[in-house]
Amino acid sequence: MRDLTIGEFLRQLGDRVPAPGGGASAALHAAQSAALLSMVARYTTGERYADVQDAIARILAESEELGATALRLAEEDAAAFTAVTEAYKLPKATAEEKAARSAAIAAALVGAAEPPAATIAAARRLVALGEELLPIGNRNVLTDVAAATEAARAAATTARVNVEINLGGIKDESVRADLLAATADVDQIAAAAEAVTTAVRKEITK
């Protein structure tokens, strides 16, 4: 996926194929968020920002790491969802085949829920980095901090529904509990992102 042009990715996204889909899109929202934060951090350098350089360096390093993670999650999501569709195609003519198919579907659904759950974790950190960057970042690219947190918000809310859609077929209660816990604070993530945007809009419309 990382080697596709934007146009080719969008063509695949719009095609009648199992993947990429919403989960991969969620992860790519997170990747865009990370890239925007990295850009703002790179513009926040020089003597004028000397007193915040340690924080900026840390934000840049983490945003770069989160961007790489998000891109990997997009690829993992596409592969995991393809595995779900393949599991549903397994034969079910005999009792043994039905049992094997059911087990394969259950395992594939767990695998499909894991990338979006991890995407939520990445989005959580991205919004937190945006909150930290907001007061210290270069004011000339302040709107990009809002753009970053809005992209992270989209990542979190989109990933949440992609976790939830898989829960119905997952019977392992401990796995279900872990996945539900991963989605528990998505509304708070979204609210924090909105607060950053509100603060940015207030500043740029003074």
C-alpha atoms as a PDB file:
ATOM      1  CA  MET A   1       0.000   0.000   0.000  1.00  0.00           C
ATOM      2  CA  ARG A   2       2.842   2.399   0.795  1.00  0.00           C
ATOM      3  CA  ASP A   3       4.028   2.272  -2.807  1.00  0.00           C
ATOM      4  CA  LEU A   4       0.681   3.116  -4.409  1.00  0.00           C
ATOM      5  CA  THR A   5       0.000   6.550  -5.815  1.00  0.00           C
ATOM      6  CA  ILE A   6      -2.823   8.414  -4.109  1.00  0.00           C
ATOM      7  CA  GLY A   7      -4.935   7.994  -7.219  1.00  0.00           C
ATOM      8  CA  GLU A   8      -4.346   4.243  -7.366  1.00  0.00           C
ATOM      9  CA  PHE A   9      -5.172   3.838  -3.681  1.00  0.00           C
ATOM     10  CA  LEU A  10      -8.427   5.748  -4.125  1.00  0.00           C
ATOM     11  CA  ARG A  11      -9.287   3.645  -7.157  1.00  0.00           C
ATOM     12  CA  GLN A  12      -8.801   0.473  -5.105  1.00  0.00           C
ATOM     13  CA  LEU A  13     -10.726   1.965  -2.192  1.00  0.00           C
ATOM     14  CA  GLY A  14     -13.670   2.680  -4.460  1.00  0.00           C
ATOM     15  CA  ASP A  15     -13.596  -0.685  -6.209  1.00  0.00           C
ATOM     16  CA  ARG A  16     -15.774  -3.680  -5.365  1.00  0.00           C
ATOM     17  CA  VAL A  17     -13.023  -5.521  -3.516  1.00  0.00           C
ATOM     18  CA  PRO A  18     -12.763  -6.596   0.150  1.00  0.00           C
ATOM     19  CA  ALA A  19      -9.805  -4.376   0.955  1.00  0.00           C
ATOM     20  CA  PRO A  20      -8.695  -1.674   1.406  1.00  0.00           C
ATOM     21  CA  GLY A  21     -11.717  -0.340   3.245  1.00  0.00           C
ATOM     22  CA  GLY A  22     -12.648   1.689   6.276  1.00  0.00           C
ATOM     23  CA  GLY A  23     -10.013   0.223   8.561  1.00  0.00           C
ATOM     24  CA  ALA A  24      -7.185   1.061   6.205  1.00  0.00           C
ATOM     25  CA  SER A  25      -8.668   4.529   5.722  1.00  0.00           C
ATOM     26  CA  ALA A  26      -8.706   5.023   9.495  1.00  0.00           C
ATOM     27  CA  ALA A  27      -5.037   4.148   9.735  1.00  0.00           C
ATOM     28  CA  LEU A  28      -4.194   6.477   6.859  1.00  0.00           C
ATOM     29  CA  HIS A  29      -6.038   9.293   8.648  1.00  0.00           C
ATOM     30  CA  ALA A  30      -3.652   8.647  11.533  1.00  0.00           C
ATOM     31  CA  ALA A  31      -0.663   8.633   9.173  1.00  0.00           C
ATOM     32  CA  GLN A  32      -1.716  12.012   7.766  1.00  0.00           C
ATOM     33  CA  SER A  33      -2.134  13.350  11.296  1.00  0.00           C
ATOM     34  CA  ALA A  34       1.386  12.247  12.156  1.00  0.00           C
ATOM     35  CA  ALA A  35       2.813  13.822   9.006  1.00  0.00           C
ATOM     36  CA  LEU A  36       1.128  17.147   9.745  1.00  0.00           C
ATOM     37  CA  LEU A  37       2.478  17.172  13.296  1.00  0.00           C
ATOM     38  CA  SER A  38       5.941  16.384  11.966  1.00  0.00           C
ATOM     39  CA  MET A  39       5.681  19.273   9.533  1.00  0.00           C
ATOM     40  CA  VAL A  40       4.674  21.735  12.252  1.00  0.00           C
ATOM     41  CA  ALA A  41       7.510  20.510  14.445  1.00  0.00           C
ATOM     42  CA  ARG A  42      10.016  21.017  11.627  1.00  0.00           C
ATOM     43  CA  TYR A  43       8.798  24.593  11.197  1.00  0.00           C
ATOM     44  CA  THR A  44       9.263  25.196  14.918  1.00  0.00           C
ATOM     45  CA  THR A  45      13.044  25.441  14.892  1.00  0.00           C
ATOM     46  CA  GLY A  46      15.729  28.076  15.164  1.00  0.00           C
ATOM     47  CA  GLU A  47      16.700  30.666  17.721  1.00  0.00           C
ATOM     48  CA  ARG A  48      13.151  31.919  18.147  1.00  0.00           C
ATOM     49  CA  TYR A  49      12.091  28.512  19.461  1.00  0.00           C
ATOM     50  CA  ALA A  50      15.259  27.636  21.359  1.00  0.00           C
ATOM     51  CA  ASP A  51      13.483  27.291  24.692  1.00  0.00           C
ATOM     52  CA  VAL A  52      11.114  24.594  23.382  1.00  0.00           C
ATOM     53  CA  GLN A  53      13.523  22.581  21.263  1.00  0.00           C
ATOM     54  CA  ASP A  54      13.647  19.601  23.613  1.00  0.00           C
ATOM     55  CA  ALA A  55       9.865  19.298  23.484  1.00  0.00           C
ATOM     56  CA  ILE A  56       9.794  19.824  19.729  1.00  0.00           C
ATOM     57  CA  ALA A  57      12.442  17.161  19.167  1.00  0.00           C
ATOM     58  CA  ARG A  58      10.471  14.689  21.259  1.00  0.00           C
ATOM     59  CA  ILE A  59       7.200  15.517  19.479  1.00  0.00           C
ATOM     60  CA  LEU A  60       8.882  15.122  16.096  1.00  0.00           C
ATOM     61  CA  ALA A  61      10.402  11.779  17.010  1.00  0.00           C
ATOM     62  CA  GLU A  62       7.121  10.391  18.303  1.00  0.00           C
ATOM     63  CA  SER A  63       5.064  11.710  15.409  1.00  0.00           C
ATOM     64  CA  GLU A  64       7.479  10.118  12.943  1.00  0.00           C
ATOM     65  CA  GLU A  65       7.231   6.817  14.796  1.00  0.00           C
ATOM     66  CA  LEU A  66       3.438   7.008  14.914  1.00  0.00           C
ATOM     67  CA  GLY A  67       3.321   7.763  11.200  1.00  0.00           C
ATOM     68  CA  ALA A  68       5.310   4.632  10.411  1.00  0.00           C
ATOM     69  CA  THR A  69       3.090   2.618  12.749  1.00  0.00           C
ATOM     70  CA  ALA A  70      -0.084   3.959  11.145  1.00  0.00           C
ATOM     71  CA  LEU A  71       1.081   3.073   7.658  1.00  0.00           C
ATOM     72  CA  ARG A  72       1.906  -0.440   8.821  1.00  0.00           C
ATOM     73  CA  LEU A  73      -1.543  -0.716  10.410  1.00  0.00           C
ATOM     74  CA  ALA A  74      -3.195   0.298   7.138  1.00  0.00           C
ATOM     75  CA  GLU A  75      -1.445  -2.573   5.399  1.00  0.00           C
ATOM     76  CA  GLU A  76      -2.216  -4.989   8.223  1.00  0.00           C
ATOM     77  CA  ASP A  77      -5.873  -4.013   8.179  1.00  0.00           C
ATOM     78  CA  ALA A  78      -6.194  -4.690   4.476  1.00  0.00           C
ATOM     79  CA  ALA A  79      -4.533  -8.094   4.878  1.00  0.00           C
ATOM     80  CA  ALA A  80      -6.644  -8.968   7.927  1.00  0.00           C
ATOM     81  CA  PHE A  81      -9.932  -8.128   6.246  1.00  0.00           C
ATOM     82  CA  THR A  82      -8.942 -10.183   3.224  1.00  0.00           C
ATOM     83  CA  ALA A  83      -8.372 -13.095   5.619  1.00  0.00           C
ATOM     84  CA  VAL A  84     -11.942 -12.700   6.908  1.00  0.00           C
ATOM     85  CA  THR A  85     -13.407 -12.908   3.419  1.00  0.00           C
ATOM     86  CA  GLU A  86     -11.278 -15.982   2.676  1.00  0.00           C
ATOM     87  CA  ALA A  87     -12.454 -17.661   5.886  1.00  0.00           C
ATOM     88  CA  TYR A  88     -16.085 -17.172   4.886  1.00  0.00           C
ATOM     89  CA  LYS A  89     -15.350 -18.942   1.587  1.00  0.00           C
ATOM     90  CA  LEU A  90     -14.225 -22.155   3.307  1.00  0.00           C
ATOM     91  CA  PRO A  91     -16.315 -25.270   2.625  1.00  0.00           C
ATOM     92  CA  LYS A  92     -19.155 -26.181   4.996  1.00  0.00           C
ATOM     93  CA  ALA A  93     -20.584 -29.369   3.556  1.00  0.00           C
ATOM     94  CA  THR A  94     -19.767 -31.566   6.567  1.00  0.00           C
ATOM     95  CA  ALA A  95     -19.805 -31.079  10.311  1.00  0.00           C
ATOM     96  CA  GLU A  96     -16.026 -31.085  10.369  1.00  0.00           C
ATOM     97  CA  GLU A  97     -15.832 -28.480   7.628  1.00  0.00           C
ATOM     98  CA  LYS A  98     -18.396 -26.322   9.402  1.00  0.00           C
ATOM     99  CA  ALA A  99     -16.434 -26.471  12.641  1.00  0.00           C
ATOM    100  CA  ALA A 100     -13.168 -25.645  10.896  1.00  0.00           C
ATOM    101  CA  ARG A 101     -14.817 -22.793   9.013  1.00  0.00           C
ATOM    102  CA  SER A 102     -16.337 -21.345  12.192  1.00  0.00           C
ATOM    103  CA  ALA A 103     -12.972 -21.488  13.954  1.00  0.00           C
ATOM    104  CA  ALA A 104     -11.236 -19.837  11.011  1.00  0.00           C
ATOM    105  CA  ILE A 105     -13.845 -17.062  10.872  1.00  0.00           C
ATOM    106  CA  ALA A 106     -13.566 -16.400  14.610  1.00  0.00           C
ATOM    107  CA  ALA A 107      -9.784 -16.193  14.413  1.00  0.00           C
ATOM    108  CA  ALA A 108      -9.939 -13.956  11.352  1.00  0.00           C
ATOM    109  CA  LEU A 109     -12.398 -11.583  13.045  1.00  0.00           C
ATOM    110  CA  VAL A 110     -10.036 -11.187  15.989  1.00  0.00           C
ATOM    111  CA  GLY A 111      -7.240 -10.456  13.535  1.00  0.00           C
ATOM    112  CA  ALA A 112      -9.411  -7.922  11.720  1.00  0.00           C
ATOM    113  CA  ALA A 113     -10.261  -6.080  14.938  1.00  0.00           C
ATOM    114  CA  GLU A 114      -6.674  -5.700  16.085  1.00  0.00           C
ATOM    115  CA  PRO A 115      -5.389  -3.132  13.531  1.00  0.00           C
ATOM    116  CA  PRO A 116      -8.249  -0.658  14.133  1.00  0.00           C
ATOM    117  CA  ALA A 117      -7.853  -1.109  17.895  1.00  0.00           C
ATOM    118  CA  ALA A 118      -4.190  -0.196  17.515  1.00  0.00           C
ATOM    119  CA  THR A 119      -5.168   2.710  15.273  1.00  0.00           C
ATOM    120  CA  ILE A 120      -7.246   4.137  18.125  1.00  0.00           C
ATOM    121  CA  ALA A 121      -4.189   3.954  20.379  1.00  0.00           C
ATOM    122  CA  ALA A 122      -2.144   5.818  17.773  1.00  0.00           C
ATOM    123  CA  ALA A 123      -4.867   8.454  17.382  1.00  0.00           C
ATOM    124  CA  ARG A 124      -4.944   8.941  21.148  1.00  0.00           C
ATOM    125  CA  ARG A 125      -1.251   9.776  21.173  1.00  0.00           C
ATOM    126  CA  LEU A 126      -1.515  11.982  18.093  1.00  0.00           C
ATOM    127  CA  VAL A 127      -4.199  14.146  19.669  1.00  0.00           C
ATOM    128  CA  ALA A 128      -2.091  14.412  22.821  1.00  0.00           C
ATOM    129  CA  LEU A 129       0.882  15.545  20.740  1.00  0.00           C
ATOM    130  CA  GLY A 130      -1.332  18.100  19.022  1.00  0.00           C
ATOM    131  CA  GLU A 131      -2.410  19.435  22.404  1.00  0.00           C
ATOM    132  CA  GLU A 132       1.224  19.757  23.414  1.00  0.00           C
ATOM    133  CA  LEU A 133       2.279  21.364  20.150  1.00  0.00           C
ATOM    134  CA  LEU A 134      -0.585  23.861  20.098  1.00  0.00           C
ATOM    135  CA  PRO A 135       0.881  26.451  22.513  1.00  0.00           C
ATOM    136  CA  ILE A 136       4.498  26.164  21.352  1.00  0.00           C
ATOM    137  CA  GLY A 137       4.336  25.518  17.620  1.00  0.00           C
ATOM    138  CA  ASN A 138       5.085  28.026  14.886  1.00  0.00           C
ATOM    139  CA  ARG A 139       1.994  30.231  14.640  1.00  0.00           C
ATOM    140  CA  ASN A 140       2.328  30.401  10.832  1.00  0.00           C
ATOM    141  CA  VAL A 141       1.343  26.729  10.614  1.00  0.00           C
ATOM    142  CA  LEU A 142      -1.063  26.707  13.520  1.00  0.00           C
ATOM    143  CA  THR A 143      -3.988  25.525  11.405  1.00  0.00           C
ATOM    144  CA  ASP A 144      -2.014  22.387  10.581  1.00  0.00           C
ATOM    145  CA  VAL A 145      -2.102  21.429  14.255  1.00  0.00           C
ATOM    146  CA  ALA A 146      -5.895  21.539  14.014  1.00  0.00           C
ATOM    147  CA  ALA A 147      -5.774  19.597  10.759  1.00  0.00           C
ATOM    148  CA  ALA A 148      -3.612  16.981  12.464  1.00  0.00           C
ATOM    149  CA  THR A 149      -5.933  16.511  15.411  1.00  0.00           C
ATOM    150  CA  GLU A 150      -8.995  16.434  13.147  1.00  0.00           C
ATOM    151  CA  ALA A 151      -7.333  13.682  11.111  1.00  0.00           C
ATOM    152  CA  ALA A 152      -6.593  11.831  14.348  1.00  0.00           C
ATOM    153  CA  ARG A 153     -10.214  12.246  15.400  1.00  0.00           C
ATOM    154  CA  ALA A 154     -11.339  10.718  12.101  1.00  0.00           C
ATOM    155  CA  ALA A 155      -8.875   7.890  12.632  1.00  0.00           C
ATOM    156  CA  ALA A 156     -10.262   7.123  16.084  1.00  0.00           C
ATOM    157  CA  THR A 157     -13.949   7.307  15.244  1.00  0.00           C
ATOM    158  CA  THR A 158     -13.556   5.361  12.005  1.00  0.00           C
ATOM    159  CA  ALA A 159     -11.415   2.719  13.685  1.00  0.00           C
ATOM    160  CA  ARG A 160     -13.980   2.333  16.463  1.00  0.00           C
ATOM    161  CA  VAL A 161     -16.735   1.179  14.114  1.00  0.00           C
ATOM    162  CA  ASN A 162     -14.271  -1.174  12.457  1.00  0.00           C
ATOM    163  CA  VAL A 163     -13.591  -2.767  15.826  1.00  0.00           C
ATOM    164  CA  GLU A 164     -17.273  -2.925  16.703  1.00  0.00           C
ATOM    165  CA  ILE A 165     -18.316  -4.591  13.441  1.00  0.00           C
ATOM    166  CA  ASN A 166     -16.121  -7.578  14.305  1.00  0.00           C
ATOM    167  CA  LEU A 167     -17.260  -8.009  17.908  1.00  0.00           C
ATOM    168  CA  GLY A 168     -20.415  -9.936  17.032  1.00  0.00           C
ATOM    169  CA  GLY A 169     -18.431 -12.913  15.774  1.00  0.00           C
ATOM    170  CA  ILE A 170     -15.871 -12.947  18.596  1.00  0.00           C
ATOM    171  CA  LYS A 171     -16.918 -15.268  21.407  1.00  0.00           C
ATOM    172  CA  ASP A 172     -13.780 -15.133  23.559  1.00  0.00           C
ATOM    173  CA  GLU A 173     -14.859 -12.853  26.398  1.00  0.00           C
ATOM    174  CA  SER A 174     -11.346 -11.763  27.328  1.00  0.00           C
ATOM    175  CA  VAL A 175     -10.638 -10.741  23.736  1.00  0.00           C
ATOM    176  CA  ARG A 176     -13.962  -8.901  23.559  1.00  0.00           C
ATOM    177  CA  ALA A 177     -13.176  -7.097  26.791  1.00  0.00           C
ATOM    178  CA  ASP A 178      -9.770  -6.003  25.509  1.00  0.00           C
ATOM    179  CA  LEU A 179     -11.265  -4.708  22.266  1.00  0.00           C
ATOM    180  CA  LEU A 180     -14.050  -2.865  24.065  1.00  0.00           C
ATOM    181  CA  ALA A 181     -11.477  -1.285  26.357  1.00  0.00           C
ATOM    182  CA  ALA A 182      -9.556  -0.090  23.299  1.00  0.00           C
ATOM    183  CA  THR A 183     -12.616   1.806  22.097  1.00  0.00           C
ATOM    184  CA  ALA A 184     -13.778   3.099  25.483  1.00  0.00           C
ATOM    185  CA  ASP A 185     -12.329   6.614  25.276  1.00  0.00           C
ATOM    186  CA  VAL A 186     -12.919   7.411  21.603  1.00  0.00           C
ATOM    187  CA  ASP A 187     -15.466  10.076  22.499  1.00  0.00           C
ATOM    188  CA  GLN A 188     -12.886  11.706  24.763  1.00  0.00           C
ATOM    189  CA  ILE A 189     -10.293  11.563  21.986  1.00  0.00           C
ATOM    190  CA  ALA A 190     -12.766  13.248  19.645  1.00  0.00           C
ATOM    191  CA  ALA A 191     -13.597  15.905  22.236  1.00  0.00           C
ATOM    192  CA  ALA A 192      -9.926  16.663  22.804  1.00  0.00           C
ATOM    193  CA  ALA A 193      -9.383  17.018  19.058  1.00  0.00           C
ATOM    194  CA  GLU A 194     -12.350  19.356  18.804  1.00  0.00           C
ATOM    195  CA  ALA A 195     -10.952  21.465  21.644  1.00  0.00           C
ATOM    196  CA  VAL A 196      -7.692  21.910  19.731  1.00  0.00           C
ATOM    197  CA  THR A 197      -9.586  23.017  16.625  1.00  0.00           C
ATOM    198  CA  THR A 198     -11.687  25.412  18.685  1.00  0.00           C
ATOM    199  CA  ALA A 199      -8.561  26.936  20.211  1.00  0.00           C
ATOM    200  CA  VAL A 200      -6.931  27.313  16.793  1.00  0.00           C
ATOM    201  CA  ARG A 201     -10.014  28.942  15.295  1.00  0.00           C
ATOM    202  CA  LYS A 202     -10.248  31.323  18.207  1.00  0.00           C
ATOM    203  CA  GLU A 203      -6.652  32.395  17.709  1.00  0.00           C
ATOM    204  CA  ILE A 204      -6.770  32.832  13.948  1.00  0.00           C
ATOM    205  CA  THR A 205      -9.984  34.868  14.043  1.00  0.00           C
ATOM    206  CA  LYS A 206      -8.841  37.387  16.656  1.00  0.00           C
END
